[in-house]
Amino acid sequence: MTLDHFDAAERYIIAIPRRNLRFRLAALWPVLIGLQTLAALAECDNWLDPHTRVKVSRRAVYGTIALSLLCGRSNGLLRVWLRRIRARVERKIGL
């Protein structure tokens, strides 16, 4: 169900006109970081352990922001990027 919500978010972001980069990035950043967090959870074997911290590193967040500034106007690149992260989740959970 969570992946379906990310699909809806992708469609929403792609629907934002490419010339409105700041608006597009404001919607894109939480989706990318959320999807990366979901991938990290899927790749963690003991995520239910309360002592296990699963989070996206600060370096990964900065990299995400930098890369999104370069490809934020390209619908094709955004789709590929989001689907690659989604594929990490699907591989791990067996979809």
N, C-alpha and C. Protein backbone atom coordinates (compact mmCIF):
# COMPACT_ATOMS: atom_id res chain seq x y z
N MET A 1 0.83 -1.18 0.00
CA MET A 1 0.00 0.00 0.00
C MET A 1 0.88 1.26 0.00
N THR A 2 1.98 1.21 0.73
CA THR A 2 2.89 2.36 0.79
C THR A 2 3.46 2.67 -0.59
N LEU A 3 3.83 1.63 -1.31
CA LEU A 3 4.37 1.85 -2.66
C LEU A 3 3.32 2.45 -3.59
N ASP A 4 2.07 2.11 -3.38
CA ASP A 4 1.00 2.73 -4.17
C ASP A 4 0.91 4.23 -3.89
N HIS A 5 1.11 4.60 -2.64
CA HIS A 5 1.10 6.03 -2.30
C HIS A 5 2.27 6.75 -2.96
N PHE A 6 3.43 6.09 -3.00
CA PHE A 6 4.57 6.69 -3.68
C PHE A 6 4.32 6.81 -5.19
N ASP A 7 3.59 5.86 -5.77
CA ASP A 7 3.22 5.98 -7.18
C ASP A 7 2.34 7.20 -7.41
N ALA A 8 1.39 7.42 -6.51
CA ALA A 8 0.52 8.59 -6.62
C ALA A 8 1.34 9.88 -6.48
N ALA A 9 2.31 9.86 -5.57
CA ALA A 9 3.17 11.04 -5.40
C ALA A 9 3.99 11.30 -6.65
N GLU A 10 4.47 10.23 -7.29
CA GLU A 10 5.23 10.39 -8.53
C GLU A 10 4.35 11.04 -9.61
N ARG A 11 3.14 10.56 -9.75
CA ARG A 11 2.24 11.15 -10.75
C ARG A 11 1.97 12.62 -10.45
N TYR A 12 1.83 12.96 -9.17
CA TYR A 12 1.60 14.35 -8.78
C TYR A 12 2.80 15.22 -9.15
N ILE A 13 3.99 14.74 -8.83
CA ILE A 13 5.20 15.52 -9.11
C ILE A 13 5.38 15.72 -10.60
N ILE A 14 5.16 14.67 -11.38
CA ILE A 14 5.31 14.77 -12.83
C ILE A 14 4.27 15.72 -13.42
N ALA A 15 3.12 15.84 -12.76
CA ALA A 15 2.06 16.74 -13.25
C ALA A 15 2.41 18.21 -13.01
N ILE A 16 3.32 18.48 -12.09
CA ILE A 16 3.74 19.86 -11.85
C ILE A 16 4.56 20.32 -13.06
N PRO A 17 4.22 21.47 -13.64
CA PRO A 17 4.97 21.92 -14.81
C PRO A 17 6.47 22.01 -14.54
N ARG A 18 7.25 21.61 -15.53
CA ARG A 18 8.71 21.57 -15.38
C ARG A 18 9.30 22.95 -15.13
N ARG A 19 8.66 23.98 -15.59
CA ARG A 19 9.19 25.33 -15.39
C ARG A 19 9.07 25.78 -13.92
N ASN A 20 8.23 25.11 -13.13
CA ASN A 20 8.06 25.43 -11.71
C ASN A 20 8.99 24.56 -10.86
N LEU A 21 10.28 24.73 -11.04
CA LEU A 21 11.24 23.85 -10.40
C LEU A 21 11.16 23.89 -8.88
N ARG A 22 11.04 25.06 -8.29
CA ARG A 22 11.01 25.14 -6.83
C ARG A 22 9.80 24.41 -6.25
N PHE A 23 8.67 24.56 -6.89
CA PHE A 23 7.46 23.87 -6.45
C PHE A 23 7.62 22.36 -6.61
N ARG A 24 8.21 21.98 -7.71
CA ARG A 24 8.44 20.56 -7.99
C ARG A 24 9.41 19.96 -6.96
N LEU A 25 10.48 20.68 -6.65
CA LEU A 25 11.45 20.19 -5.68
C LEU A 25 10.84 20.10 -4.28
N ALA A 26 9.98 21.05 -3.94
CA ALA A 26 9.33 21.02 -2.62
C ALA A 26 8.48 19.76 -2.46
N ALA A 27 7.91 19.28 -3.53
CA ALA A 27 7.14 18.03 -3.48
C ALA A 27 8.05 16.81 -3.62
N LEU A 28 9.13 16.96 -4.36
CA LEU A 28 10.00 15.83 -4.67
C LEU A 28 10.88 15.41 -3.50
N TRP A 29 11.46 16.34 -2.78
CA TRP A 29 12.42 16.00 -1.72
C TRP A 29 11.83 15.09 -0.65
N PRO A 30 10.66 15.40 -0.09
CA PRO A 30 10.12 14.47 0.92
C PRO A 30 9.82 13.08 0.34
N VAL A 31 9.41 13.03 -0.91
CA VAL A 31 9.12 11.74 -1.54
C VAL A 31 10.41 10.93 -1.70
N LEU A 32 11.45 11.57 -2.20
CA LEU A 32 12.71 10.86 -2.39
C LEU A 32 13.29 10.38 -1.05
N ILE A 33 13.28 11.23 -0.06
CA ILE A 33 13.83 10.84 1.24
C ILE A 33 12.96 9.77 1.88
N GLY A 34 11.65 9.88 1.74
CA GLY A 34 10.76 8.85 2.27
C GLY A 34 10.95 7.51 1.59
N LEU A 35 11.10 7.53 0.28
CA LEU A 35 11.31 6.30 -0.47
C LEU A 35 12.67 5.68 -0.14
N GLN A 36 13.68 6.52 0.05
CA GLN A 36 15.00 6.01 0.45
C GLN A 36 14.94 5.40 1.85
N THR A 37 14.17 6.00 2.73
CA THR A 37 14.00 5.45 4.08
C THR A 37 13.28 4.11 4.01
N LEU A 38 12.27 4.01 3.17
CA LEU A 38 11.56 2.75 3.00
C LEU A 38 12.50 1.67 2.46
N ALA A 39 13.36 2.04 1.53
CA ALA A 39 14.34 1.09 1.00
C ALA A 39 15.31 0.65 2.10
N ALA A 40 15.74 1.58 2.95
CA ALA A 40 16.63 1.22 4.05
C ALA A 40 15.93 0.29 5.04
N LEU A 41 14.66 0.52 5.29
CA LEU A 41 13.89 -0.37 6.16
C LEU A 41 13.78 -1.76 5.56
N ALA A 42 13.52 -1.82 4.27
CA ALA A 42 13.38 -3.11 3.60
C ALA A 42 14.70 -3.88 3.61
N GLU A 43 15.81 -3.17 3.58
CA GLU A 43 17.12 -3.82 3.55
C GLU A 43 17.64 -4.16 4.95
N CYS A 44 16.99 -3.69 5.98
CA CYS A 44 17.40 -3.95 7.35
C CYS A 44 16.70 -5.21 7.86
N ASP A 45 17.49 -6.14 8.39
CA ASP A 45 16.92 -7.40 8.85
C ASP A 45 16.22 -7.30 10.20
N ASN A 46 16.66 -6.41 11.04
CA ASN A 46 16.07 -6.31 12.38
C ASN A 46 15.49 -4.91 12.65
N TRP A 47 14.69 -4.42 11.73
CA TRP A 47 14.16 -3.06 11.87
C TRP A 47 13.14 -2.94 12.99
N LEU A 48 12.61 -4.05 13.48
CA LEU A 48 11.66 -3.98 14.59
C LEU A 48 12.35 -3.84 15.94
N ASP A 49 13.65 -4.07 15.99
CA ASP A 49 14.40 -3.90 17.23
C ASP A 49 14.45 -2.42 17.57
N PRO A 50 13.99 -2.05 18.78
CA PRO A 50 13.95 -0.62 19.12
C PRO A 50 15.32 0.04 19.19
N HIS A 51 16.37 -0.75 19.27
CA HIS A 51 17.72 -0.18 19.34
C HIS A 51 18.34 0.01 17.96
N THR A 52 17.66 -0.45 16.94
CA THR A 52 18.15 -0.31 15.57
C THR A 52 17.65 1.00 14.99
N ARG A 53 18.59 1.79 14.51
CA ARG A 53 18.23 3.06 13.87
C ARG A 53 18.33 2.90 12.37
N VAL A 54 17.25 3.16 11.71
CA VAL A 54 17.22 3.10 10.25
C VAL A 54 16.88 4.50 9.76
N LYS A 55 17.83 5.09 9.07
CA LYS A 55 17.60 6.44 8.56
C LYS A 55 18.51 6.69 7.37
N VAL A 56 18.15 7.68 6.62
CA VAL A 56 18.94 8.09 5.48
C VAL A 56 20.04 9.01 6.01
N SER A 57 21.26 8.77 5.59
CA SER A 57 22.38 9.57 6.09
C SER A 57 22.29 11.02 5.59
N ARG A 58 22.92 11.88 6.32
CA ARG A 58 22.96 13.30 5.93
C ARG A 58 23.62 13.45 4.56
N ARG A 59 24.67 12.66 4.34
CA ARG A 59 25.36 12.70 3.05
C ARG A 59 24.42 12.30 1.91
N ALA A 60 23.61 11.28 2.14
CA ALA A 60 22.65 10.85 1.12
C ALA A 60 21.59 11.92 0.86
N VAL A 61 21.17 12.60 1.91
CA VAL A 61 20.19 13.68 1.74
C VAL A 61 20.79 14.81 0.92
N TYR A 62 22.02 15.22 1.23
CA TYR A 62 22.67 16.28 0.46
C TYR A 62 22.88 15.85 -0.99
N GLY A 63 23.24 14.60 -1.19
CA GLY A 63 23.40 14.09 -2.55
C GLY A 63 22.08 14.09 -3.31
N THR A 64 21.02 13.74 -2.61
CA THR A 64 19.68 13.75 -3.22
C THR A 64 19.30 15.17 -3.63
N ILE A 65 19.55 16.11 -2.78
CA ILE A 65 19.22 17.51 -3.10
C ILE A 65 20.04 17.98 -4.30
N ALA A 66 21.33 17.68 -4.30
CA ALA A 66 22.18 18.12 -5.41
C ALA A 66 21.75 17.48 -6.72
N LEU A 67 21.50 16.19 -6.71
CA LEU A 67 21.09 15.51 -7.93
C LEU A 67 19.73 15.98 -8.42
N SER A 68 18.83 16.27 -7.48
CA SER A 68 17.50 16.73 -7.88
C SER A 68 17.55 18.11 -8.52
N LEU A 69 18.52 18.93 -8.13
CA LEU A 69 18.67 20.23 -8.77
C LEU A 69 19.07 20.08 -10.23
N LEU A 70 19.81 19.02 -10.52
CA LEU A 70 20.25 18.78 -11.90
C LEU A 70 19.17 18.14 -12.77
N CYS A 71 18.38 17.24 -12.18
CA CYS A 71 17.42 16.51 -13.02
C CYS A 71 15.97 16.79 -12.65
N GLY A 72 15.73 17.80 -11.86
CA GLY A 72 14.37 18.11 -11.40
C GLY A 72 13.41 18.53 -12.49
N ARG A 73 13.92 18.96 -13.61
CA ARG A 73 13.02 19.38 -14.70
C ARG A 73 12.75 18.27 -15.70
N SER A 74 13.41 17.16 -15.56
CA SER A 74 13.26 16.07 -16.51
C SER A 74 12.31 15.01 -15.97
N ASN A 75 11.16 14.86 -16.60
CA ASN A 75 10.21 13.84 -16.18
C ASN A 75 10.81 12.45 -16.30
N GLY A 76 11.53 12.21 -17.37
CA GLY A 76 12.11 10.89 -17.60
C GLY A 76 13.13 10.52 -16.55
N LEU A 77 14.02 11.45 -16.22
CA LEU A 77 15.03 11.17 -15.20
C LEU A 77 14.41 10.97 -13.82
N LEU A 78 13.39 11.76 -13.51
CA LEU A 78 12.72 11.59 -12.22
C LEU A 78 12.04 10.23 -12.13
N ARG A 79 11.39 9.82 -13.21
CA ARG A 79 10.74 8.51 -13.21
C ARG A 79 11.75 7.39 -13.02
N VAL A 80 12.88 7.46 -13.72
CA VAL A 80 13.91 6.43 -13.59
C VAL A 80 14.44 6.41 -12.16
N TRP A 81 14.73 7.57 -11.62
CA TRP A 81 15.27 7.67 -10.27
C TRP A 81 14.32 7.07 -9.25
N LEU A 82 13.05 7.47 -9.29
CA LEU A 82 12.07 6.97 -8.34
C LEU A 82 11.85 5.46 -8.50
N ARG A 83 11.84 4.99 -9.72
CA ARG A 83 11.61 3.56 -9.96
C ARG A 83 12.81 2.71 -9.56
N ARG A 84 14.00 3.26 -9.64
CA ARG A 84 15.19 2.51 -9.18
C ARG A 84 15.15 2.33 -7.67
N ILE A 85 14.75 3.37 -6.95
CA ILE A 85 14.64 3.24 -5.49
C ILE A 85 13.52 2.26 -5.15
N ARG A 86 12.42 2.38 -5.86
CA ARG A 86 11.29 1.47 -5.63
C ARG A 86 11.70 0.02 -5.90
N ALA A 87 12.50 -0.20 -6.92
CA ALA A 87 12.94 -1.56 -7.26
C ALA A 87 13.77 -2.16 -6.12
N ARG A 88 14.54 -1.34 -5.41
CA ARG A 88 15.29 -1.83 -4.25
C ARG A 88 14.36 -2.39 -3.21
N VAL A 89 13.25 -1.67 -2.97
CA VAL A 89 12.28 -2.12 -1.98
C VAL A 89 11.63 -3.41 -2.46
N GLU A 90 11.18 -3.44 -3.69
CA GLU A 90 10.48 -4.60 -4.22
C GLU A 90 11.35 -5.84 -4.23
N ARG A 91 12.63 -5.70 -4.57
CA ARG A 91 13.54 -6.85 -4.56
C ARG A 91 13.65 -7.44 -3.16
N LYS A 92 13.75 -6.57 -2.18
CA LYS A 92 13.97 -7.05 -0.82
C LYS A 92 12.72 -7.68 -0.22
N ILE A 93 11.55 -7.13 -0.54
CA ILE A 93 10.33 -7.69 0.07
C ILE A 93 9.69 -8.76 -0.80
N GLY A 94 10.27 -8.98 -1.98
CA GLY A 94 9.81 -10.08 -2.82
C GLY A 94 8.61 -9.79 -3.69
N LEU A 95 8.47 -8.59 -4.15
CA LEU A 95 7.37 -8.27 -5.08
C LEU A 95 7.78 -8.47 -6.51
